N, C-alpha and C. Protein backbone atom coordinates (compact mmCIF):
# COMPACT_ATOMS: atom_id res chain seq x y z
N MET A 1 0.83 -1.15 0.00
CA MET A 1 -0.03 -0.05 0.00
C MET A 1 0.94 1.20 -0.01
N ASP A 2 0.49 2.14 -0.79
CA ASP A 2 1.20 3.50 -0.80
C ASP A 2 0.61 4.30 0.46
N ILE A 3 1.52 4.58 1.40
CA ILE A 3 1.18 5.28 2.63
C ILE A 3 0.51 6.60 2.39
N ASN A 4 0.80 7.23 1.27
CA ASN A 4 0.20 8.52 0.89
C ASN A 4 -1.27 8.48 0.77
N ILE A 5 -1.83 7.25 0.63
CA ILE A 5 -3.25 7.13 0.49
C ILE A 5 -3.98 7.54 1.74
N CYS A 6 -3.21 7.68 2.80
CA CYS A 6 -3.86 8.09 4.10
C CYS A 6 -4.37 9.37 4.03
N LYS A 7 -3.78 10.35 3.30
CA LYS A 7 -4.27 11.76 3.19
C LYS A 7 -5.63 11.76 2.46
N LYS A 8 -5.70 10.97 1.32
CA LYS A 8 -6.97 10.84 0.53
C LYS A 8 -8.05 10.22 1.42
N ILE A 9 -7.68 9.19 2.10
CA ILE A 9 -8.76 8.50 3.00
C ILE A 9 -9.24 9.47 4.01
N LEU A 10 -8.38 10.27 4.58
CA LEU A 10 -8.69 11.21 5.72
C LEU A 10 -9.47 12.42 5.22
N GLU A 11 -9.42 12.77 3.90
CA GLU A 11 -9.94 14.10 3.46
C GLU A 11 -11.31 14.40 3.98
N PRO A 12 -12.30 13.61 3.92
CA PRO A 12 -13.62 13.87 4.47
C PRO A 12 -13.57 14.20 6.02
N PHE A 13 -12.79 13.49 6.68
CA PHE A 13 -12.62 13.77 8.20
C PHE A 13 -11.93 15.09 8.35
N LEU A 14 -10.92 15.34 7.62
CA LEU A 14 -10.15 16.52 7.86
C LEU A 14 -11.04 17.76 7.57
N GLU A 15 -11.85 17.77 6.48
CA GLU A 15 -12.75 18.86 6.20
C GLU A 15 -13.71 19.05 7.29
N GLU A 16 -14.38 17.97 7.70
CA GLU A 16 -15.40 17.99 8.66
C GLU A 16 -14.97 18.63 10.04
N HIS A 17 -13.69 18.34 10.45
CA HIS A 17 -13.19 18.89 11.71
C HIS A 17 -12.16 19.97 11.55
N ASP A 18 -12.06 20.53 10.33
CA ASP A 18 -11.08 21.69 10.13
C ASP A 18 -9.64 21.34 10.47
N LEU A 19 -9.21 20.12 10.08
CA LEU A 19 -7.87 19.69 10.41
C LEU A 19 -6.89 19.80 9.29
N ILE A 20 -5.64 19.95 9.60
CA ILE A 20 -4.63 20.07 8.51
C ILE A 20 -3.79 18.75 8.62
N PHE A 21 -3.65 18.16 7.43
CA PHE A 21 -2.80 16.94 7.32
C PHE A 21 -1.33 17.37 7.23
N TYR A 22 -0.56 16.96 8.13
CA TYR A 22 0.82 17.49 8.18
C TYR A 22 1.83 16.52 7.57
N ASN A 23 1.77 15.24 7.91
CA ASN A 23 2.79 14.26 7.33
C ASN A 23 2.30 12.86 7.72
N VAL A 24 2.77 11.94 6.84
CA VAL A 24 2.66 10.46 7.17
C VAL A 24 3.96 9.77 6.82
N GLU A 25 4.23 8.84 7.76
CA GLU A 25 5.50 8.03 7.49
C GLU A 25 5.27 6.68 8.06
N LEU A 26 6.11 5.73 7.50
CA LEU A 26 6.13 4.36 7.88
C LEU A 26 7.53 4.17 8.49
N VAL A 27 7.67 4.02 9.87
CA VAL A 27 8.87 3.95 10.54
C VAL A 27 8.95 2.57 11.30
N LYS A 28 10.23 2.18 11.57
CA LYS A 28 10.38 0.94 12.42
C LYS A 28 11.07 1.46 13.71
N GLU A 29 10.37 1.21 14.69
CA GLU A 29 10.85 1.44 16.08
C GLU A 29 10.69 0.27 16.98
N TYR A 30 11.79 -0.09 17.65
CA TYR A 30 11.85 -1.14 18.60
C TYR A 30 11.31 -2.50 17.99
N GLY A 31 11.51 -2.67 16.68
CA GLY A 31 11.16 -3.90 16.06
C GLY A 31 9.76 -3.89 15.44
N SER A 32 9.01 -2.89 15.64
CA SER A 32 7.67 -2.80 15.12
C SER A 32 7.49 -1.72 14.09
N LEU A 33 6.74 -1.98 13.10
CA LEU A 33 6.36 -1.02 12.15
C LEU A 33 5.25 -0.10 12.65
N ILE A 34 5.43 1.17 12.53
CA ILE A 34 4.44 2.18 12.91
C ILE A 34 4.04 3.13 11.74
N LEU A 35 2.82 3.08 11.47
CA LEU A 35 2.26 4.00 10.41
C LEU A 35 1.85 5.23 11.11
N ARG A 36 2.66 6.30 11.07
CA ARG A 36 2.42 7.53 11.88
C ARG A 36 1.90 8.60 11.04
N VAL A 37 0.71 9.13 11.39
CA VAL A 37 0.02 10.15 10.69
C VAL A 37 0.01 11.39 11.63
N ILE A 38 0.49 12.50 11.22
CA ILE A 38 0.59 13.69 11.95
C ILE A 38 -0.52 14.73 11.45
N LEU A 39 -1.32 15.16 12.38
CA LEU A 39 -2.35 16.12 11.97
C LEU A 39 -2.16 17.44 12.83
N ASP A 40 -2.83 18.46 12.42
CA ASP A 40 -2.77 19.79 13.13
C ASP A 40 -4.07 20.50 12.93
N LYS A 41 -4.17 21.45 13.77
CA LYS A 41 -5.46 22.28 13.74
C LYS A 41 -5.03 23.69 14.25
N LYS A 42 -5.48 24.79 13.61
CA LYS A 42 -5.11 26.11 13.91
C LYS A 42 -5.19 26.44 15.46
N ASP A 43 -6.30 26.02 16.03
CA ASP A 43 -6.44 26.33 17.39
C ASP A 43 -6.10 25.20 18.42
N GLY A 44 -5.41 24.17 17.87
CA GLY A 44 -4.80 23.07 18.61
C GLY A 44 -5.78 21.93 18.61
N LEU A 45 -5.25 20.71 18.93
CA LEU A 45 -5.95 19.49 18.87
C LEU A 45 -6.15 19.00 20.29
N ASP A 46 -7.18 18.31 20.49
CA ASP A 46 -7.35 17.58 21.78
C ASP A 46 -7.30 16.06 21.49
N ILE A 47 -7.18 15.35 22.66
CA ILE A 47 -6.97 13.91 22.59
C ILE A 47 -8.18 13.16 22.03
N GLU A 48 -9.46 13.78 22.29
CA GLU A 48 -10.60 13.14 21.81
C GLU A 48 -10.68 13.20 20.32
N LEU A 49 -10.25 14.26 19.71
CA LEU A 49 -10.31 14.42 18.24
C LEU A 49 -9.30 13.56 17.59
N LEU A 50 -8.13 13.42 18.25
CA LEU A 50 -7.10 12.55 17.64
C LEU A 50 -7.60 11.03 17.69
N ALA A 51 -8.28 10.68 18.77
CA ALA A 51 -8.79 9.40 18.90
C ALA A 51 -9.82 9.04 17.86
N LYS A 52 -10.72 10.04 17.55
CA LYS A 52 -11.81 9.95 16.49
C LYS A 52 -11.02 9.77 15.09
N ALA A 53 -9.95 10.48 14.95
CA ALA A 53 -9.25 10.48 13.62
C ALA A 53 -8.56 9.12 13.48
N ASN A 54 -7.97 8.67 14.56
CA ASN A 54 -7.40 7.32 14.54
C ASN A 54 -8.40 6.23 14.23
N GLU A 55 -9.60 6.34 14.87
CA GLU A 55 -10.61 5.28 14.58
C GLU A 55 -11.13 5.36 13.21
N TYR A 56 -11.35 6.51 12.76
CA TYR A 56 -11.79 6.74 11.41
C TYR A 56 -10.83 6.12 10.35
N LEU A 57 -9.50 6.54 10.46
CA LEU A 57 -8.52 6.02 9.60
C LEU A 57 -8.34 4.50 9.65
N SER A 58 -8.36 4.04 10.91
CA SER A 58 -8.27 2.60 11.12
C SER A 58 -9.33 1.86 10.43
N ASN A 59 -10.55 2.29 10.45
CA ASN A 59 -11.68 1.61 9.81
C ASN A 59 -11.53 1.67 8.32
N GLU A 60 -11.28 2.90 7.77
CA GLU A 60 -11.12 3.16 6.35
C GLU A 60 -9.97 2.41 5.65
N ILE A 61 -8.78 2.42 6.36
CA ILE A 61 -7.58 1.90 5.78
C ILE A 61 -7.61 0.42 5.61
N ASP A 62 -8.33 -0.25 6.39
CA ASP A 62 -8.57 -1.77 6.16
C ASP A 62 -8.93 -2.14 4.69
N LYS A 63 -9.57 -1.20 4.01
CA LYS A 63 -10.03 -1.48 2.68
C LYS A 63 -8.78 -1.46 1.69
N TYR A 64 -7.65 -0.83 2.10
CA TYR A 64 -6.58 -0.74 1.21
C TYR A 64 -5.26 -1.43 1.67
N ASP A 65 -5.24 -1.99 2.80
CA ASP A 65 -3.86 -2.45 3.37
C ASP A 65 -3.65 -3.89 3.36
N GLN A 66 -4.36 -4.69 2.42
CA GLN A 66 -4.21 -6.04 2.34
C GLN A 66 -2.77 -6.54 2.08
N ASP A 67 -1.96 -5.75 1.39
CA ASP A 67 -0.61 -6.20 1.17
C ASP A 67 0.47 -5.55 2.13
N MET A 68 -0.02 -4.92 3.17
CA MET A 68 0.82 -4.31 4.13
C MET A 68 1.27 -5.28 5.24
N PRO A 69 2.51 -5.29 5.61
CA PRO A 69 2.87 -6.11 6.80
C PRO A 69 2.17 -5.56 8.07
N GLU A 70 2.20 -6.35 9.12
CA GLU A 70 1.59 -5.96 10.40
C GLU A 70 2.22 -4.63 10.78
N TYR A 71 1.40 -3.67 11.21
CA TYR A 71 1.86 -2.31 11.66
C TYR A 71 0.92 -1.87 12.78
N MET A 72 1.40 -0.81 13.52
CA MET A 72 0.66 -0.16 14.47
C MET A 72 0.27 1.23 13.85
N LEU A 73 -0.99 1.59 14.03
CA LEU A 73 -1.37 2.98 13.42
C LEU A 73 -1.28 4.01 14.67
N GLU A 74 -0.65 5.07 14.36
CA GLU A 74 -0.42 6.19 15.33
C GLU A 74 -0.86 7.45 14.67
N VAL A 75 -1.90 8.06 15.26
CA VAL A 75 -2.40 9.40 14.74
C VAL A 75 -2.13 10.35 15.98
N SER A 76 -1.37 11.43 15.66
CA SER A 76 -0.99 12.32 16.71
C SER A 76 -0.83 13.78 16.08
N SER A 77 -0.68 14.72 17.03
CA SER A 77 -0.47 16.15 16.63
C SER A 77 1.08 16.36 16.48
N ARG A 78 1.37 17.60 16.08
CA ARG A 78 2.83 17.93 15.95
C ARG A 78 3.41 18.17 17.32
N GLY A 79 2.56 18.44 18.31
CA GLY A 79 3.19 18.54 19.70
C GLY A 79 3.04 20.00 20.09
N ALA A 80 3.19 20.20 21.52
CA ALA A 80 3.17 21.46 22.07
C ALA A 80 4.37 22.27 21.78
N GLU A 81 5.47 21.56 21.52
CA GLU A 81 6.78 22.31 21.28
C GLU A 81 7.26 22.01 19.89
N ARG A 82 6.31 22.09 18.94
CA ARG A 82 6.72 21.83 17.49
C ARG A 82 7.52 23.00 16.98
N THR A 83 8.27 22.56 15.98
CA THR A 83 9.18 23.59 15.26
C THR A 83 8.28 24.59 14.46
N ILE A 84 8.79 25.72 14.23
CA ILE A 84 8.15 26.70 13.39
C ILE A 84 8.87 26.62 12.08
N ASP A 85 8.23 26.25 11.03
CA ASP A 85 8.83 25.77 9.82
C ASP A 85 8.75 26.81 8.63
N ASN A 86 7.84 27.74 8.75
CA ASN A 86 7.65 28.60 7.58
C ASN A 86 7.10 30.01 8.07
N GLU A 87 6.91 30.98 7.21
CA GLU A 87 6.42 32.28 7.51
C GLU A 87 5.01 32.28 8.12
N ASP A 88 4.19 31.46 7.62
CA ASP A 88 2.76 31.39 8.10
C ASP A 88 2.74 30.86 9.57
N GLU A 89 3.61 29.91 9.84
CA GLU A 89 3.57 29.49 11.24
C GLU A 89 4.30 30.50 12.11
N MET A 90 5.20 31.15 11.55
CA MET A 90 5.89 32.33 12.36
C MET A 90 4.81 33.44 12.70
N ASN A 91 4.02 33.71 11.75
CA ASN A 91 2.96 34.63 11.92
C ASN A 91 1.98 34.26 12.98
N GLU A 92 1.61 32.88 12.95
CA GLU A 92 0.67 32.29 13.95
C GLU A 92 1.30 32.27 15.29
N ALA A 93 2.62 32.28 15.42
CA ALA A 93 3.34 32.22 16.73
C ALA A 93 3.46 33.55 17.43
N VAL A 94 3.12 34.61 16.66
CA VAL A 94 3.25 35.97 17.32
C VAL A 94 2.34 35.92 18.60
N ASN A 95 2.82 36.41 19.67
CA ASN A 95 2.21 36.50 20.98
C ASN A 95 2.22 35.14 21.75
N LYS A 96 3.00 34.21 21.27
CA LYS A 96 3.12 32.93 21.88
C LYS A 96 4.55 32.69 22.38
N TYR A 97 4.75 31.80 23.40
CA TYR A 97 5.96 31.61 24.06
C TYR A 97 6.81 30.70 23.09
N ILE A 98 8.01 31.17 22.74
CA ILE A 98 8.88 30.42 21.87
C ILE A 98 10.32 30.16 22.42
N HIS A 99 10.93 29.26 21.71
CA HIS A 99 12.45 28.81 22.10
C HIS A 99 13.19 29.16 20.75
N VAL A 100 14.25 29.95 20.82
CA VAL A 100 15.02 30.28 19.72
C VAL A 100 16.46 29.96 20.02
N GLU A 101 17.21 29.35 19.05
CA GLU A 101 18.60 29.04 19.20
C GLU A 101 19.35 29.69 18.01
N ILE A 102 20.36 30.46 18.40
CA ILE A 102 21.28 31.06 17.45
C ILE A 102 22.61 30.58 17.94
N GLU A 103 23.68 30.93 17.23
CA GLU A 103 25.00 30.49 17.54
C GLU A 103 25.39 30.98 18.92
N ASN A 104 25.67 30.11 19.81
CA ASN A 104 26.19 30.38 21.19
C ASN A 104 25.18 31.05 22.13
N MET A 105 23.83 31.08 21.75
CA MET A 105 22.87 31.63 22.60
C MET A 105 21.55 31.00 22.36
N VAL A 106 20.70 30.89 23.48
CA VAL A 106 19.36 30.34 23.40
C VAL A 106 18.46 31.44 24.12
N TYR A 107 17.35 31.73 23.53
CA TYR A 107 16.40 32.55 24.06
C TYR A 107 15.00 31.91 24.23
N GLU A 108 14.39 32.17 25.26
CA GLU A 108 12.95 31.81 25.47
C GLU A 108 12.17 33.02 25.89
N GLY A 109 11.05 33.27 25.22
CA GLY A 109 10.16 34.40 25.49
C GLY A 109 9.11 34.58 24.58
N VAL A 110 8.33 35.58 24.59
CA VAL A 110 7.19 35.74 23.77
C VAL A 110 7.59 36.44 22.45
N LEU A 111 7.21 35.83 21.41
CA LEU A 111 7.43 36.43 20.01
C LEU A 111 6.46 37.67 19.86
N VAL A 112 7.00 38.81 19.78
CA VAL A 112 6.13 39.94 19.69
C VAL A 112 5.96 40.47 18.40
N GLU A 113 7.06 40.27 17.49
CA GLU A 113 6.96 40.70 16.17
C GLU A 113 7.65 39.73 15.17
N ASN A 114 7.05 39.66 13.93
CA ASN A 114 7.75 38.85 12.95
C ASN A 114 7.82 39.85 11.68
N ASN A 115 9.05 40.29 11.48
CA ASN A 115 9.33 41.22 10.28
C ASN A 115 10.03 40.39 9.18
N ILE A 116 10.28 41.10 8.21
CA ILE A 116 10.86 40.47 7.04
C ILE A 116 12.28 39.85 7.24
N ASP A 117 13.14 40.64 8.01
CA ASP A 117 14.50 40.06 8.18
C ASP A 117 14.71 39.66 9.65
N ASN A 118 13.88 40.00 10.56
CA ASN A 118 14.05 39.62 11.98
C ASN A 118 12.78 39.41 12.74
N ILE A 119 13.04 38.87 13.89
CA ILE A 119 11.90 38.68 14.85
C ILE A 119 12.21 39.44 16.13
N ILE A 120 11.19 39.82 16.87
CA ILE A 120 11.47 40.50 18.20
C ILE A 120 10.89 39.49 19.22
N VAL A 121 11.75 39.18 20.18
CA VAL A 121 11.27 38.37 21.35
C VAL A 121 11.38 39.14 22.67
N ASN A 122 10.37 39.13 23.38
CA ASN A 122 10.32 39.67 24.70
C ASN A 122 10.84 38.71 25.70
N ILE A 123 11.99 38.85 26.29
CA ILE A 123 12.51 37.92 27.21
C ILE A 123 12.57 38.48 28.61
N ASN A 124 12.60 37.49 29.60
CA ASN A 124 12.73 37.96 31.02
C ASN A 124 14.17 37.79 31.46
N ILE A 125 14.84 38.86 31.85
CA ILE A 125 16.23 38.68 32.43
C ILE A 125 16.17 39.26 33.80
N LYS A 126 16.25 38.29 34.67
CA LYS A 126 16.27 38.57 36.19
C LYS A 126 15.10 39.50 36.52
N GLY A 127 13.93 39.19 36.02
CA GLY A 127 12.65 39.93 36.44
C GLY A 127 12.40 41.13 35.64
N ARG A 128 13.25 41.43 34.71
CA ARG A 128 13.00 42.60 33.84
C ARG A 128 12.81 42.05 32.47
N PHE A 129 11.73 42.64 31.75
CA PHE A 129 11.57 42.20 30.32
C PHE A 129 12.32 43.10 29.31
N LYS A 130 12.82 42.48 28.38
CA LYS A 130 13.62 43.13 27.37
C LYS A 130 13.29 42.60 26.04
N LYS A 131 13.07 43.50 25.07
CA LYS A 131 12.73 43.04 23.66
C LYS A 131 14.00 42.96 22.91
N ILE A 132 14.28 41.67 22.41
CA ILE A 132 15.57 41.39 21.75
C ILE A 132 15.28 41.06 20.23
N PRO A 133 15.98 41.91 19.31
CA PRO A 133 15.85 41.60 17.99
C PRO A 133 16.73 40.47 17.53
N ILE A 134 16.21 39.50 16.67
CA ILE A 134 17.11 38.35 16.33
C ILE A 134 16.94 38.24 14.76
N LYS A 135 18.06 38.25 14.14
CA LYS A 135 17.99 38.19 12.59
C LYS A 135 17.63 36.78 12.23
N LYS A 136 16.69 36.64 11.24
CA LYS A 136 16.27 35.33 10.83
C LYS A 136 17.31 34.49 10.28
N GLU A 137 18.39 35.14 9.58
CA GLU A 137 19.37 34.30 9.01
C GLU A 137 20.27 33.65 10.10
N GLU A 138 20.19 34.14 11.31
CA GLU A 138 20.97 33.62 12.42
C GLU A 138 20.33 32.46 13.18
N ILE A 139 19.06 32.28 12.90
CA ILE A 139 18.32 31.28 13.70
C ILE A 139 18.56 29.99 13.24
N LYS A 140 19.08 29.03 14.22
CA LYS A 140 19.45 27.71 14.00
C LYS A 140 18.11 26.78 14.23
N LEU A 141 17.45 27.20 15.23
CA LEU A 141 16.25 26.44 15.58
C LEU A 141 15.24 27.45 16.21
N ILE A 142 13.90 27.21 15.88
CA ILE A 142 12.89 28.07 16.47
C ILE A 142 11.63 27.10 16.54
N ARG A 143 11.09 27.14 17.75
CA ARG A 143 9.95 26.27 18.05
C ARG A 143 9.07 26.90 19.12
N LEU A 144 7.86 26.42 19.19
CA LEU A 144 6.96 26.84 20.27
C LEU A 144 7.57 26.22 21.64
N ALA A 145 7.29 26.76 22.71
CA ALA A 145 7.69 26.32 23.93
C ALA A 145 6.70 26.31 24.95
N VAL A 146 6.82 25.44 25.97
CA VAL A 146 5.94 25.43 27.06
C VAL A 146 6.65 26.14 28.21
N LYS A 147 6.01 27.14 28.70
CA LYS A 147 6.56 27.96 29.81
C LYS A 147 6.33 27.16 31.11
N ILE A 148 7.35 26.94 31.81
CA ILE A 148 7.29 26.07 33.11
C ILE A 148 7.54 26.96 34.27
């Protein structure tokens, strides 16, 4: 079975629940094959919706997977600390807590601006907040973060 059929199978469910299909992969972990489907939603996903998506896909994929070896189906979200991969995601991350890595420095704070060449992050330094401009070309990693 072509694993990319998962997106086609899920299309009605995705539309009904305003979900975004992010990725599908077949991976081997600890001796088991896992068919991993990653979904997303603009305002976030909850476990109940992921369970419904898993059940829907599981029922529908049985029609296509006769030639597949035994595998486990895993439907999940991109996670609370997912990477920010493009400008649209960067714009959506404005006013959210982020983690940014540049050479020899790590920042965590609220993304307050996303400009053409740089971002502005409001960070807490010993109880005082400071807005730090970071050039996009210097960013090695940027992701959402959970503030603890």
